[in-house]
Amino acid sequence: MIIKPTFVGLIVLAVMGANAFAAGDAEAGKVKSAVCSACHGADGNSLMAMYPHLAGQQAQYLESAMKAYRDGQRTGGTAAMMAPMAASLSDQDIADLSAYFSQQKLKQN
């Protein structure tokens, strides 16, 4: 079987991309999540429809989104609120928060 170089390149990029995310500590994320709870709820289950639930989201998605807010790459929607909140977060802070919220259970309203 012949594998095309393009396919191999995509596999390499996928593996490299997955490794670009730091390992998060959910317990540290729980401590750091206090400021998030005002809008997103203590466990990531927002009480107001205008704020998205973070509970149960994939850690890589949460990490990517928070970094994009922090780095000014995400500018639509709630960026005006989220960018200042994320501005002081380190990569490790973001990984910890992502780990915590991804482990929470989404509650159906």
C-alpha atoms as a PDB file:
ATOM      1  CA  MET A   1       0.000   0.000   0.000  1.00  0.00           C
ATOM      2  CA  ILE A   2       1.345   3.397  -0.966  1.00  0.00           C
ATOM      3  CA  ILE A   3       0.676   6.268   1.409  1.00  0.00           C
ATOM      4  CA  LYS A   4       0.626   9.663  -0.211  1.00  0.00           C
ATOM      5  CA  PRO A   5       2.967  12.279   1.316  1.00  0.00           C
ATOM      6  CA  THR A   6       0.012  14.619   1.830  1.00  0.00           C
ATOM      7  CA  PHE A   7      -1.712  12.086   4.089  1.00  0.00           C
ATOM      8  CA  VAL A   8       1.471  11.581   6.132  1.00  0.00           C
ATOM      9  CA  GLY A   9       1.824  15.344   6.459  1.00  0.00           C
ATOM     10  CA  LEU A  10      -1.715  15.649   7.785  1.00  0.00           C
ATOM     11  CA  ILE A  11      -1.055  12.970  10.390  1.00  0.00           C
ATOM     12  CA  VAL A  12       2.128  14.726  11.531  1.00  0.00           C
ATOM     13  CA  LEU A  13       0.297  18.054  11.798  1.00  0.00           C
ATOM     14  CA  ALA A  14      -2.536  16.469  13.771  1.00  0.00           C
ATOM     15  CA  VAL A  15      -0.117  14.943  16.268  1.00  0.00           C
ATOM     16  CA  MET A  16       1.866  18.158  16.581  1.00  0.00           C
ATOM     17  CA  GLY A  17      -1.335  20.161  17.026  1.00  0.00           C
ATOM     18  CA  ALA A  18      -2.537  17.914  19.823  1.00  0.00           C
ATOM     19  CA  ASN A  19       0.776  18.333  21.622  1.00  0.00           C
ATOM     20  CA  ALA A  20       0.493  22.128  21.476  1.00  0.00           C
ATOM     21  CA  PHE A  21      -1.922  22.004  24.407  1.00  0.00           C
ATOM     22  CA  ALA A  22      -0.492  21.886  27.927  1.00  0.00           C
ATOM     23  CA  ALA A  23      -1.656  19.274  30.390  1.00  0.00           C
ATOM     24  CA  GLY A  24      -4.099  20.900  32.767  1.00  0.00           C
ATOM     25  CA  ASP A  25      -4.636  20.278  36.462  1.00  0.00           C
ATOM     26  CA  ALA A  26      -8.373  20.181  37.160  1.00  0.00           C
ATOM     27  CA  GLU A  27      -7.935  20.831  40.894  1.00  0.00           C
ATOM     28  CA  ALA A  28      -5.870  23.947  40.187  1.00  0.00           C
ATOM     29  CA  GLY A  29      -8.471  24.944  37.609  1.00  0.00           C
ATOM     30  CA  LYS A  30     -11.236  24.690  40.201  1.00  0.00           C
ATOM     31  CA  VAL A  31      -9.396  27.185  42.405  1.00  0.00           C
ATOM     32  CA  LYS A  32      -8.771  29.514  39.450  1.00  0.00           C
ATOM     33  CA  SER A  33     -12.390  29.322  38.243  1.00  0.00           C
ATOM     34  CA  ALA A  34     -13.864  31.602  40.912  1.00  0.00           C
ATOM     35  CA  VAL A  35     -13.863  34.634  38.619  1.00  0.00           C
ATOM     36  CA  CYS A  36     -15.463  32.584  35.810  1.00  0.00           C
ATOM     37  CA  SER A  37     -18.358  31.561  38.033  1.00  0.00           C
ATOM     38  CA  ALA A  38     -19.994  34.990  37.954  1.00  0.00           C
ATOM     39  CA  CYS A  39     -21.100  34.384  34.357  1.00  0.00           C
ATOM     40  CA  HIS A  40     -20.542  30.681  33.684  1.00  0.00           C
ATOM     41  CA  GLY A  41     -21.598  29.219  37.041  1.00  0.00           C
ATOM     42  CA  ALA A  42     -19.402  27.592  39.692  1.00  0.00           C
ATOM     43  CA  ASP A  43     -19.322  24.290  37.826  1.00  0.00           C
ATOM     44  CA  GLY A  44     -19.535  25.707  34.307  1.00  0.00           C
ATOM     45  CA  ASN A  45     -23.322  25.476  34.104  1.00  0.00           C
ATOM     46  CA  SER A  46     -24.428  29.024  33.368  1.00  0.00           C
ATOM     47  CA  LEU A  47     -27.638  30.231  34.960  1.00  0.00           C
ATOM     48  CA  MET A  48     -28.226  32.814  32.208  1.00  0.00           C
ATOM     49  CA  ALA A  49     -28.792  31.898  28.563  1.00  0.00           C
ATOM     50  CA  MET A  50     -26.546  34.704  27.313  1.00  0.00           C
ATOM     51  CA  TYR A  51     -23.485  32.995  28.837  1.00  0.00           C
ATOM     52  CA  PRO A  52     -22.471  29.614  27.423  1.00  0.00           C
ATOM     53  CA  HIS A  53     -22.117  26.480  29.495  1.00  0.00           C
ATOM     54  CA  LEU A  54     -18.483  25.452  29.881  1.00  0.00           C
ATOM     55  CA  ALA A  55     -19.253  22.185  31.661  1.00  0.00           C
ATOM     56  CA  GLY A  56     -18.558  19.144  29.543  1.00  0.00           C
ATOM     57  CA  GLN A  57     -16.883  21.028  26.694  1.00  0.00           C
ATOM     58  CA  GLN A  58     -13.735  19.427  25.283  1.00  0.00           C
ATOM     59  CA  ALA A  59     -10.599  20.718  27.008  1.00  0.00           C
ATOM     60  CA  GLN A  60      -8.848  21.447  23.712  1.00  0.00           C
ATOM     61  CA  TYR A  61     -11.768  23.577  22.536  1.00  0.00           C
ATOM     62  CA  LEU A  62     -11.862  25.561  25.784  1.00  0.00           C
ATOM     63  CA  GLU A  63      -8.107  26.034  25.720  1.00  0.00           C
ATOM     64  CA  SER A  64      -8.126  27.161  22.108  1.00  0.00           C
ATOM     65  CA  ALA A  65     -11.007  29.585  22.703  1.00  0.00           C
ATOM     66  CA  MET A  66      -9.454  31.166  25.805  1.00  0.00           C
ATOM     67  CA  LYS A  67      -6.093  31.594  24.087  1.00  0.00           C
ATOM     68  CA  ALA A  68      -7.821  33.182  21.106  1.00  0.00           C
ATOM     69  CA  TYR A  69      -9.608  35.669  23.401  1.00  0.00           C
ATOM     70  CA  ARG A  70      -6.379  36.392  25.278  1.00  0.00           C
ATOM     71  CA  ASP A  71      -4.314  36.853  22.123  1.00  0.00           C
ATOM     72  CA  GLY A  72      -6.878  39.046  20.347  1.00  0.00           C
ATOM     73  CA  GLN A  73      -7.636  36.453  17.662  1.00  0.00           C
ATOM     74  CA  ARG A  74     -11.289  36.084  18.618  1.00  0.00           C
ATOM     75  CA  THR A  75     -13.070  39.382  18.146  1.00  0.00           C
ATOM     76  CA  GLY A  76     -16.765  38.673  17.623  1.00  0.00           C
ATOM     77  CA  GLY A  77     -19.637  38.150  20.000  1.00  0.00           C
ATOM     78  CA  THR A  78     -18.514  38.321  23.609  1.00  0.00           C
ATOM     79  CA  ALA A  79     -14.873  39.170  22.889  1.00  0.00           C
ATOM     80  CA  ALA A  80     -15.301  42.594  24.496  1.00  0.00           C
ATOM     81  CA  MET A  81     -16.076  40.841  27.800  1.00  0.00           C
ATOM     82  CA  MET A  82     -13.833  37.799  27.445  1.00  0.00           C
ATOM     83  CA  ALA A  83     -10.606  39.388  26.175  1.00  0.00           C
ATOM     84  CA  PRO A  84     -10.000  41.398  29.380  1.00  0.00           C
ATOM     85  CA  MET A  85     -10.878  38.350  31.500  1.00  0.00           C
ATOM     86  CA  ALA A  86      -8.381  36.171  29.622  1.00  0.00           C
ATOM     87  CA  ALA A  87      -5.664  38.827  29.227  1.00  0.00           C
ATOM     88  CA  SER A  88      -3.745  37.910  32.376  1.00  0.00           C
ATOM     89  CA  LEU A  89      -4.072  34.121  32.051  1.00  0.00           C
ATOM     90  CA  SER A  90      -0.929  32.094  31.413  1.00  0.00           C
ATOM     91  CA  ASP A  91      -0.963  29.032  29.187  1.00  0.00           C
ATOM     92  CA  GLN A  92      -0.949  26.903  32.361  1.00  0.00           C
ATOM     93  CA  ASP A  93      -3.884  28.838  33.855  1.00  0.00           C
ATOM     94  CA  ILE A  94      -5.843  28.217  30.660  1.00  0.00           C
ATOM     95  CA  ALA A  95      -4.917  24.525  30.622  1.00  0.00           C
ATOM     96  CA  ASP A  96      -5.988  24.175  34.271  1.00  0.00           C
ATOM     97  CA  LEU A  97      -9.320  25.929  33.704  1.00  0.00           C
ATOM     98  CA  SER A  98      -9.944  23.852  30.580  1.00  0.00           C
ATOM     99  CA  ALA A  99      -9.238  20.631  32.454  1.00  0.00           C
ATOM    100  CA  TYR A 100     -11.596  21.617  35.274  1.00  0.00           C
ATOM    101  CA  PHE A 101     -14.548  22.680  33.116  1.00  0.00           C
ATOM    102  CA  SER A 102     -14.177  19.745  30.734  1.00  0.00           C
ATOM    103  CA  GLN A 103     -14.580  17.343  33.672  1.00  0.00           C
ATOM    104  CA  GLN A 104     -17.797  18.950  34.919  1.00  0.00           C
ATOM    105  CA  LYS A 105     -21.148  17.462  33.993  1.00  0.00           C
ATOM    106  CA  LEU A 106     -23.522  19.502  31.845  1.00  0.00           C
ATOM    107  CA  LYS A 107     -26.863  19.918  33.587  1.00  0.00           C
ATOM    108  CA  GLN A 108     -29.970  20.109  31.444  1.00  0.00           C
ATOM    109  CA  ASN A 109     -32.267  22.983  32.355  1.00  0.00           C
END
